[in-house]
Every structure is written in structure tokens, then in C-alpha cells.
PDB file of N, CA and C in Angstrom:
ATOM      1  N   UNK A   1    -107.701  49.652 282.493  1.00  0.00           N
ATOM      2  CA  UNK A   1    -108.481  48.896 281.534  1.00  0.00           C
ATOM      3  C   UNK A   1    -107.747  48.887 280.191  1.00  0.00           C
ATOM      4  N   UNK A   2    -107.584  47.727 279.609  1.00  0.00           N
ATOM      5  CA  UNK A   2    -106.932  47.598 278.317  1.00  0.00           C
ATOM      6  C   UNK A   2    -107.930  47.912 277.218  1.00  0.00           C
ATOM      7  N   UNK A   3    -107.518  48.751 276.290  1.00  0.00           N
ATOM      8  CA  UNK A   3    -108.374  49.159 275.185  1.00  0.00           C
ATOM      9  C   UNK A   3    -108.100  48.261 273.995  1.00  0.00           C
ATOM     10  N   UNK A   4    -109.109  48.063 273.157  1.00  0.00           N
ATOM     11  CA  UNK A   4    -108.901  47.321 271.919  1.00  0.00           C
ATOM     12  C   UNK A   4    -108.385  48.286 270.859  1.00  0.00           C
ATOM     13  N   UNK A   5    -107.311  47.893 270.196  1.00  0.00           N
ATOM     14  CA  UNK A   5    -106.719  48.731 269.164  1.00  0.00           C
ATOM     15  C   UNK A   5    -106.888  48.061 267.809  1.00  0.00           C
ATOM     16  N   UNK A   6    -107.035  48.864 266.789  1.00  0.00           N
ATOM     17  CA  UNK A   6    -107.109  48.358 265.426  1.00  0.00           C
ATOM     18  C   UNK A   6    -105.709  48.385 264.823  1.00  0.00           C
ATOM     19  N   UNK A   7    -105.576  47.727 263.678  1.00  0.00           N
ATOM     20  CA  UNK A   7    -104.301  47.783 262.969  1.00  0.00           C
ATOM     21  C   UNK A   7    -103.991  49.221 262.566  1.00  0.00           C
ATOM     22  N   UNK A   8    -105.033  49.982 262.234  1.00  0.00           N
ATOM     23  CA  UNK A   8    -104.830  51.389 261.880  1.00  0.00           C
ATOM     24  C   UNK A   8    -104.214  52.166 263.038  1.00  0.00           C
ATOM     25  N   UNK A   9    -104.656  51.880 264.254  1.00  0.00           N
ATOM     26  CA  UNK A   9    -104.092  52.546 265.432  1.00  0.00           C
ATOM     27  C   UNK A   9    -102.599  52.241 265.561  1.00  0.00           C
ATOM     28  N   UNK A  10    -102.240  50.987 265.350  1.00  0.00           N
ATOM     29  CA  UNK A  10    -100.841  50.596 265.460  1.00  0.00           C
ATOM     30  C   UNK A  10     -99.998  51.212 264.339  1.00  0.00           C
ATOM     31  N   UNK A  11    -100.565  51.294 263.144  1.00  0.00           N
ATOM     32  CA  UNK A  11     -99.844  51.912 262.029  1.00  0.00           C
ATOM     33  C   UNK A  11     -99.621  53.395 262.324  1.00  0.00           C
ATOM     34  N   UNK A  12    -100.632  54.065 262.887  1.00  0.00           N
ATOM     35  CA  UNK A  12    -100.461  55.475 263.245  1.00  0.00           C
ATOM     36  C   UNK A  12     -99.377  55.633 264.299  1.00  0.00           C
ATOM     37  N   UNK A  13     -99.250  54.674 265.195  1.00  0.00           N
ATOM     38  CA  UNK A  13     -98.184  54.718 266.192  1.00  0.00           C
ATOM     39  C   UNK A  13     -96.821  54.575 265.513  1.00  0.00           C
ATOM     40  N   UNK A  14     -96.707  53.642 264.580  1.00  0.00           N
ATOM     41  CA  UNK A  14     -95.441  53.415 263.871  1.00  0.00           C
ATOM     42  C   UNK A  14     -95.005  54.663 263.122  1.00  0.00           C
ATOM     43  N   UNK A  15     -95.950  55.318 262.452  1.00  0.00           N
ATOM     44  CA  UNK A  15     -95.614  56.489 261.639  1.00  0.00           C
ATOM     45  C   UNK A  15     -95.724  57.810 262.407  1.00  0.00           C
ATOM     46  N   UNK A  16     -95.818  57.701 263.738  1.00  0.00           N
ATOM     47  CA  UNK A  16     -95.838  58.875 264.625  1.00  0.00           C
ATOM     48  C   UNK A  16     -96.976  59.840 264.290  1.00  0.00           C
ATOM     49  N   UNK A  17     -98.145  59.261 263.973  1.00  0.00           N
ATOM     50  CA  UNK A  17     -99.325  60.062 263.680  1.00  0.00           C
ATOM     51  C   UNK A  17    -100.354  60.003 264.814  1.00  0.00           C
ATOM     52  N   UNK A  18    -100.069  59.246 265.848  1.00  0.00           N
ATOM     53  CA  UNK A  18    -100.971  59.155 266.999  1.00  0.00           C
ATOM     54  C   UNK A  18    -100.740  60.354 267.907  1.00  0.00           C
ATOM     55  N   UNK A  19    -101.806  60.799 268.544  1.00  0.00           N
ATOM     56  CA  UNK A  19    -101.657  61.912 269.489  1.00  0.00           C
ATOM     57  C   UNK A  19    -100.832  61.449 270.683  1.00  0.00           C
ATOM     58  N   UNK A  20    -100.360  62.389 271.466  1.00  0.00           N
ATOM     59  CA  UNK A  20     -99.552  62.055 272.644  1.00  0.00           C
ATOM     60  C   UNK A  20    -100.338  61.175 273.606  1.00  0.00           C
ATOM     61  N   UNK A  21    -101.601  61.502 273.807  1.00  0.00           N
ATOM     62  CA  UNK A  21    -102.446  60.723 274.715  1.00  0.00           C
ATOM     63  C   UNK A  21    -102.614  59.292 274.204  1.00  0.00           C
ATOM     64  N   UNK A  22    -102.893  59.153 272.909  1.00  0.00           N
ATOM     65  CA  UNK A  22    -103.049  57.823 272.313  1.00  0.00           C
ATOM     66  C   UNK A  22    -101.747  57.030 272.418  1.00  0.00           C
ATOM     67  N   UNK A  23    -100.640  57.691 272.127  1.00  0.00           N
ATOM     68  CA  UNK A  23     -99.338  57.020 272.173  1.00  0.00           C
ATOM     69  C   UNK A  23     -99.043  56.504 273.578  1.00  0.00           C
ATOM     70  N   UNK A  24     -99.265  57.352 274.578  1.00  0.00           N
ATOM     71  CA  UNK A  24     -98.998  56.933 275.953  1.00  0.00           C
ATOM     72  C   UNK A  24     -99.892  55.772 276.368  1.00  0.00           C
ATOM     73  N   UNK A  25    -101.160  55.843 275.990  1.00  0.00           N
ATOM     74  CA  UNK A  25    -102.102  54.774 276.306  1.00  0.00           C
ATOM     75  C   UNK A  25    -101.670  53.458 275.645  1.00  0.00           C
ATOM     76  N   UNK A  26    -101.278  53.550 274.377  1.00  0.00           N
ATOM     77  CA  UNK A  26    -100.841  52.345 273.661  1.00  0.00           C
ATOM     78  C   UNK A  26     -99.565  51.777 274.272  1.00  0.00           C
ATOM     79  N   UNK A  27     -98.639  52.647 274.656  1.00  0.00           N
ATOM     80  CA  UNK A  27     -97.387  52.165 275.249  1.00  0.00           C
ATOM     81  C   UNK A  27     -97.640  51.420 276.556  1.00  0.00           C
ATOM     82  N   UNK A  28     -98.560  51.909 277.360  1.00  0.00           N
ATOM     83  CA  UNK A  28     -98.910  51.214 278.608  1.00  0.00           C
ATOM     84  C   UNK A  28     -99.498  49.847 278.293  1.00  0.00           C
ATOM     85  N   UNK A  29    -100.434  49.813 277.328  1.00  0.00           N
ATOM     86  CA  UNK A  29    -101.064  48.547 276.970  1.00  0.00           C
ATOM     87  C   UNK A  29    -100.084  47.591 276.283  1.00  0.00           C
ATOM     88  N   UNK A  30     -99.124  48.133 275.535  1.00  0.00           N
ATOM     89  CA  UNK A  30     -98.117  47.278 274.904  1.00  0.00           C
ATOM     90  C   UNK A  30     -97.247  46.590 275.949  1.00  0.00           C
ATOM     91  N   UNK A  31     -96.982  47.274 277.058  1.00  0.00           N
ATOM     92  CA  UNK A  31     -96.202  46.659 278.138  1.00  0.00           C
ATOM     93  C   UNK A  31     -96.953  45.491 278.772  1.00  0.00           C
ATOM     94  N   UNK A  32     -98.280  45.566 278.769  1.00  0.00           N
ATOM     95  CA  UNK A  32     -99.106  44.568 279.444  1.00  0.00           C
ATOM     96  C   UNK A  32     -99.577  43.436 278.539  1.00  0.00           C
ATOM     97  N   UNK A  33     -99.659  43.685 277.228  1.00  0.00           N
ATOM     98  CA  UNK A  33    -100.313  42.752 276.317  1.00  0.00           C
ATOM     99  C   UNK A  33     -99.312  42.177 275.312  1.00  0.00           C
ATOM    100  N   UNK A  34     -98.967  40.900 275.498  1.00  0.00           N
ATOM    101  CA  UNK A  34     -97.988  40.240 274.639  1.00  0.00           C
ATOM    102  C   UNK A  34     -98.458  40.189 273.189  1.00  0.00           C
ATOM    103  N   UNK A  35     -99.728  39.840 272.959  1.00  0.00           N
ATOM    104  CA  UNK A  35    -100.239  39.712 271.592  1.00  0.00           C
ATOM    105  C   UNK A  35    -100.214  41.061 270.872  1.00  0.00           C
ATOM    106  N   UNK A  36    -100.562  42.115 271.568  1.00  0.00           N
ATOM    107  CA  UNK A  36    -100.531  43.454 270.974  1.00  0.00           C
ATOM    108  C   UNK A  36     -99.091  43.833 270.615  1.00  0.00           C
ATOM    109  N   UNK A  37     -98.164  43.506 271.507  1.00  0.00           N
ATOM    110  CA  UNK A  37     -96.752  43.800 271.276  1.00  0.00           C
ATOM    111  C   UNK A  37     -96.225  43.027 270.050  1.00  0.00           C
ATOM    112  N   UNK A  38     -96.628  41.778 269.914  1.00  0.00           N
ATOM    113  CA  UNK A  38     -96.215  40.975 268.771  1.00  0.00           C
ATOM    114  C   UNK A  38     -96.803  41.519 267.470  1.00  0.00           C
ATOM    115  N   UNK A  39     -98.054  41.960 267.530  1.00  0.00           N
ATOM    116  CA  UNK A  39     -98.682  42.543 266.337  1.00  0.00           C
ATOM    117  C   UNK A  39     -97.938  43.816 265.910  1.00  0.00           C
ATOM    118  N   UNK A  40     -97.553  44.634 266.887  1.00  0.00           N
ATOM    119  CA  UNK A  40     -96.790  45.844 266.582  1.00  0.00           C
ATOM    120  C   UNK A  40     -95.444  45.476 265.964  1.00  0.00           C
ATOM    121  N   UNK A  41     -94.775  44.470 266.507  1.00  0.00           N
ATOM    122  CA  UNK A  41     -93.480  44.038 265.948  1.00  0.00           C
ATOM    123  C   UNK A  41     -93.638  43.586 264.503  1.00  0.00           C
ATOM    124  N   UNK A  42     -94.709  42.829 264.221  1.00  0.00           N
ATOM    125  CA  UNK A  42     -94.954  42.363 262.851  1.00  0.00           C
ATOM    126  C   UNK A  42     -95.185  43.540 261.906  1.00  0.00           C
ATOM    127  N   UNK A  43     -95.948  44.523 262.351  1.00  0.00           N
ATOM    128  CA  UNK A  43     -96.210  45.695 261.514  1.00  0.00           C
ATOM    129  C   UNK A  43     -94.943  46.523 261.314  1.00  0.00           C
ATOM    130  N   UNK A  44     -94.126  46.643 262.356  1.00  0.00           N
ATOM    131  CA  UNK A  44     -92.869  47.380 262.223  1.00  0.00           C
ATOM    132  C   UNK A  44     -91.948  46.693 261.222  1.00  0.00           C
ATOM    133  N   UNK A  45     -91.903  45.364 261.262  1.00  0.00           N
ATOM    134  CA  UNK A  45     -91.082  44.632 260.302  1.00  0.00           C
ATOM    135  C   UNK A  45     -91.608  44.854 258.889  1.00  0.00           C
ATOM    136  N   UNK A  46     -92.924  44.762 258.713  1.00  0.00           N
ATOM    137  CA  UNK A  46     -93.515  44.974 257.389  1.00  0.00           C
ATOM    138  C   UNK A  46     -93.204  46.375 256.882  1.00  0.00           C
ATOM    139  N   UNK A  47     -93.309  47.367 257.752  1.00  0.00           N
ATOM    140  CA  UNK A  47     -93.020  48.753 257.357  1.00  0.00           C
ATOM    141  C   UNK A  47     -91.558  48.902 256.956  1.00  0.00           C
ATOM    142  N   UNK A  48     -90.678  48.184 257.626  1.00  0.00           N
ATOM    143  CA  UNK A  48     -89.252  48.285 257.302  1.00  0.00           C
ATOM    144  C   UNK A  48     -88.932  47.659 255.944  1.00  0.00           C
ATOM    145  N   UNK A  49     -89.800  46.774 255.454  1.00  0.00           N
ATOM    146  CA  UNK A  49     -89.579  46.108 254.174  1.00  0.00           C
ATOM    147  C   UNK A  49     -90.111  46.917 252.983  1.00  0.00           C
ATOM    148  N   UNK A  50     -90.888  47.962 253.257  1.00  0.00           N
ATOM    149  CA  UNK A  50     -91.407  48.784 252.172  1.00  0.00           C
ATOM    150  C   UNK A  50     -90.270  49.561 251.532  1.00  0.00           C
ATOM    151  N   UNK A  51     -90.345  49.770 250.221  1.00  0.00           N
ATOM    152  CA  UNK A  51     -89.272  50.520 249.564  1.00  0.00           C
ATOM    153  C   UNK A  51     -89.228  51.961 250.060  1.00  0.00           C
ATOM    154  N   UNK A  52     -88.038  52.460 250.217  1.00  0.00           N
ATOM    155  CA  UNK A  52     -87.851  53.847 250.646  1.00  0.00           C
ATOM    156  C   UNK A  52     -87.716  54.698 249.392  1.00  0.00           C
ATOM    157  N   UNK A  53     -88.782  55.337 249.004  1.00  0.00           N
ATOM    158  CA  UNK A  53     -88.728  56.160 247.805  1.00  0.00           C
ATOM    159  C   UNK A  53     -89.527  57.440 248.026  1.00  0.00           C
ATOM    160  N   UNK A  54     -89.186  58.405 247.262  1.00  0.00           N
ATOM    161  CA  UNK A  54     -89.921  59.668 247.302  1.00  0.00           C
ATOM    162  C   UNK A  54     -90.368  59.988 245.887  1.00  0.00           C
ATOM    163  N   UNK A  55     -91.431  60.743 245.804  1.00  0.00           N
ATOM    164  CA  UNK A  55     -91.980  61.105 244.515  1.00  0.00           C
ATOM    165  C   UNK A  55     -91.995  62.618 244.392  1.00  0.00           C
ATOM    166  N   UNK A  56     -91.741  63.085 243.205  1.00  0.00           N
ATOM    167  CA  UNK A  56     -91.775  64.519 242.954  1.00  0.00           C
ATOM    168  C   UNK A  56     -92.543  64.750 241.657  1.00  0.00           C
ATOM    169  N   UNK A  57     -93.438  65.728 241.653  1.00  0.00           N
ATOM    170  CA  UNK A  57     -94.181  66.009 240.426  1.00  0.00           C
ATOM    171  C   UNK A  57     -93.268  66.641 239.385  1.00  0.00           C
ATOM    172  N   UNK A  58     -93.652  66.501 238.140  1.00  0.00           N
ATOM    173  CA  UNK A  58     -92.866  67.118 237.067  1.00  0.00           C
ATOM    174  C   UNK A  58     -93.056  68.634 237.101  1.00  0.00           C
ATOM    175  N   UNK A  59     -92.132  69.330 236.473  1.00  0.00           N
ATOM    176  CA  UNK A  59     -92.230  70.802 236.387  1.00  0.00           C
ATOM    177  C   UNK A  59     -93.527  71.210 235.699  1.00  0.00           C
ATOM    178  N   UNK A  60     -93.923  70.457 234.670  1.00  0.00           N
ATOM    179  CA  UNK A  60     -95.160  70.761 233.942  1.00  0.00           C
ATOM    180  C   UNK A  60     -96.372  70.657 234.876  1.00  0.00           C
ATOM    181  N   UNK A  61     -96.409  69.640 235.718  1.00  0.00           N
ATOM    182  CA  UNK A  61     -97.527  69.474 236.661  1.00  0.00           C
ATOM    183  C   UNK A  61     -97.583  70.637 237.642  1.00  0.00           C
ATOM    184  N   UNK A  62     -96.434  71.036 238.154  1.00  0.00           N
ATOM    185  CA  UNK A  62     -96.386  72.165 239.091  1.00  0.00           C
ATOM    186  C   UNK A  62     -96.873  73.436 238.410  1.00  0.00           C
ATOM    187  N   UNK A  63     -96.420  73.665 237.172  1.00  0.00           N
ATOM    188  CA  UNK A  63     -96.840  74.849 236.427  1.00  0.00           C
ATOM    189  C   UNK A  63     -98.354  74.836 236.200  1.00  0.00           C
ATOM    190  N   UNK A  64     -98.906  73.687 235.831  1.00  0.00           N
ATOM    191  CA  UNK A  64    -100.352  73.577 235.606  1.00  0.00           C
ATOM    192  C   UNK A  64    -101.141  73.883 236.883  1.00  0.00           C
ATOM    193  N   UNK A  65    -100.679  73.387 237.991  1.00  0.00           N
ATOM    194  CA  UNK A  65    -101.358  73.635 239.268  1.00  0.00           C
ATOM    195  C   UNK A  65    -101.301  75.114 239.622  1.00  0.00           C
ATOM    196  N   UNK A  66    -100.139  75.725 239.484  1.00  0.00           N
ATOM    197  CA  UNK A  66    -100.006  77.151 239.805  1.00  0.00           C
ATOM    198  C   UNK A  66    -100.829  78.020 238.859  1.00  0.00           C
ATOM    199  N   UNK A  67    -100.846  77.665 237.573  1.00  0.00           N
ATOM    200  CA  UNK A  67    -101.662  78.422 236.615  1.00  0.00           C
ATOM    201  C   UNK A  67    -103.144  78.310 236.957  1.00  0.00           C
ATOM    202  N   UNK A  68    -103.592  77.114 237.280  1.00  0.00           N
ATOM    203  CA  UNK A  68    -104.987  76.910 237.646  1.00  0.00           C
ATOM    204  C   UNK A  68    -105.328  77.701 238.910  1.00  0.00           C
ATOM    205  N   UNK A  69    -104.419  77.699 239.857  1.00  0.00           N
ATOM    206  CA  UNK A  69    -104.634  78.431 241.104  1.00  0.00           C
ATOM    207  C   UNK A  69    -104.804  79.922 240.844  1.00  0.00           C
ATOM    208  N   UNK A  70    -103.980  80.471 239.960  1.00  0.00           N
ATOM    209  CA  UNK A  70    -104.085  81.886 239.620  1.00  0.00           C
ATOM    210  C   UNK A  70    -105.421  82.198 238.966  1.00  0.00           C
ATOM    211  N   UNK A  71    -105.864  81.321 238.084  1.00  0.00           N
ATOM    212  CA  UNK A  71    -107.108  81.544 237.363  1.00  0.00           C
ATOM    213  C   UNK A  71    -108.343  81.395 238.246  1.00  0.00           C
ATOM    214  N   UNK A  72    -108.267  80.528 239.220  1.00  0.00           N
ATOM    215  CA  UNK A  72    -109.453  80.252 240.044  1.00  0.00           C
ATOM    216  C   UNK A  72    -109.468  81.014 241.366  1.00  0.00           C
ATOM    217  N   UNK A  73    -108.430  81.788 241.625  1.00  0.00           N
ATOM    218  CA  UNK A  73    -108.360  82.527 242.885  1.00  0.00           C
ATOM    219  C   UNK A  73    -109.436  83.617 242.907  1.00  0.00           C
ATOM    220  N   UNK A  74    -110.074  83.766 244.055  1.00  0.00           N
ATOM    221  CA  UNK A  74    -111.056  84.830 244.212  1.00  0.00           C
ATOM    222  C   UNK A  74    -110.327  86.152 244.430  1.00  0.00           C
ATOM    223  N   UNK A  75    -110.817  87.213 243.815  1.00  0.00           N
ATOM    224  CA  UNK A  75    -110.182  88.508 244.038  1.00  0.00           C
ATOM    225  C   UNK A  75    -110.371  88.971 245.474  1.00  0.00           C
ATOM    226  N   UNK A  76    -109.389  89.665 245.991  1.00  0.00           N
ATOM    227  CA  UNK A  76    -109.456  90.171 247.365  1.00  0.00           C
ATOM    228  C   UNK A  76    -110.266  91.468 247.364  1.00  0.00           C
ATOM    229  N   UNK A  77    -111.302  91.442 248.211  1.00  0.00           N
ATOM    230  CA  UNK A  77    -112.134  92.641 248.326  1.00  0.00           C
ATOM    231  C   UNK A  77    -111.680  93.477 249.495  1.00  0.00           C
ATOM    232  N   UNK A  78    -111.497  94.783 249.259  1.00  0.00           N
ATOM    233  CA  UNK A  78    -111.030  95.669 250.297  1.00  0.00           C
ATOM    234  C   UNK A  78    -112.159  96.533 250.791  1.00  0.00           C
TER     235      UNK A  78
END
């Protein structure tokens, strides 16, 4: 039986966030369903056009987070 997939399901497949069971099920259905396969190709192309960039927080932001963590940490009870 062919399952209906959402665009979110296909995006999770592209970014390798689908479980093994979901991935295998989708791969079987992709072999059988031309429209689903075309939709996946379109999403893969769109994903390839996104800029490849990474973001890193500033040192000040990291320091603020660590300071807050120290202040809000619960004491360990022995």
C-alpha cells in the first residue's frame, strides 16, 4: 500500500532525519510513484540552491550563557 507523504516527510528524508523504517518505506514508494519521485527531485534541487553557511555565536554570547548557567544551576544534594 502506498502511503501519502507530506513535504515535511520528504525534507526529513533529504536531510537524513527520517528513521530507518520511514526511509525504507519512502524508498519503496519512490520506486513506484513517479509524482513522488519528481517532488523529491524538486526539493533536492531547492535544497542544493540554499546558501552553504554556518553560524557561530560571539564569545560574549557564549560567556553570558555559561554565566547564566552557573547562576541558575541547582546545587547537588548528597
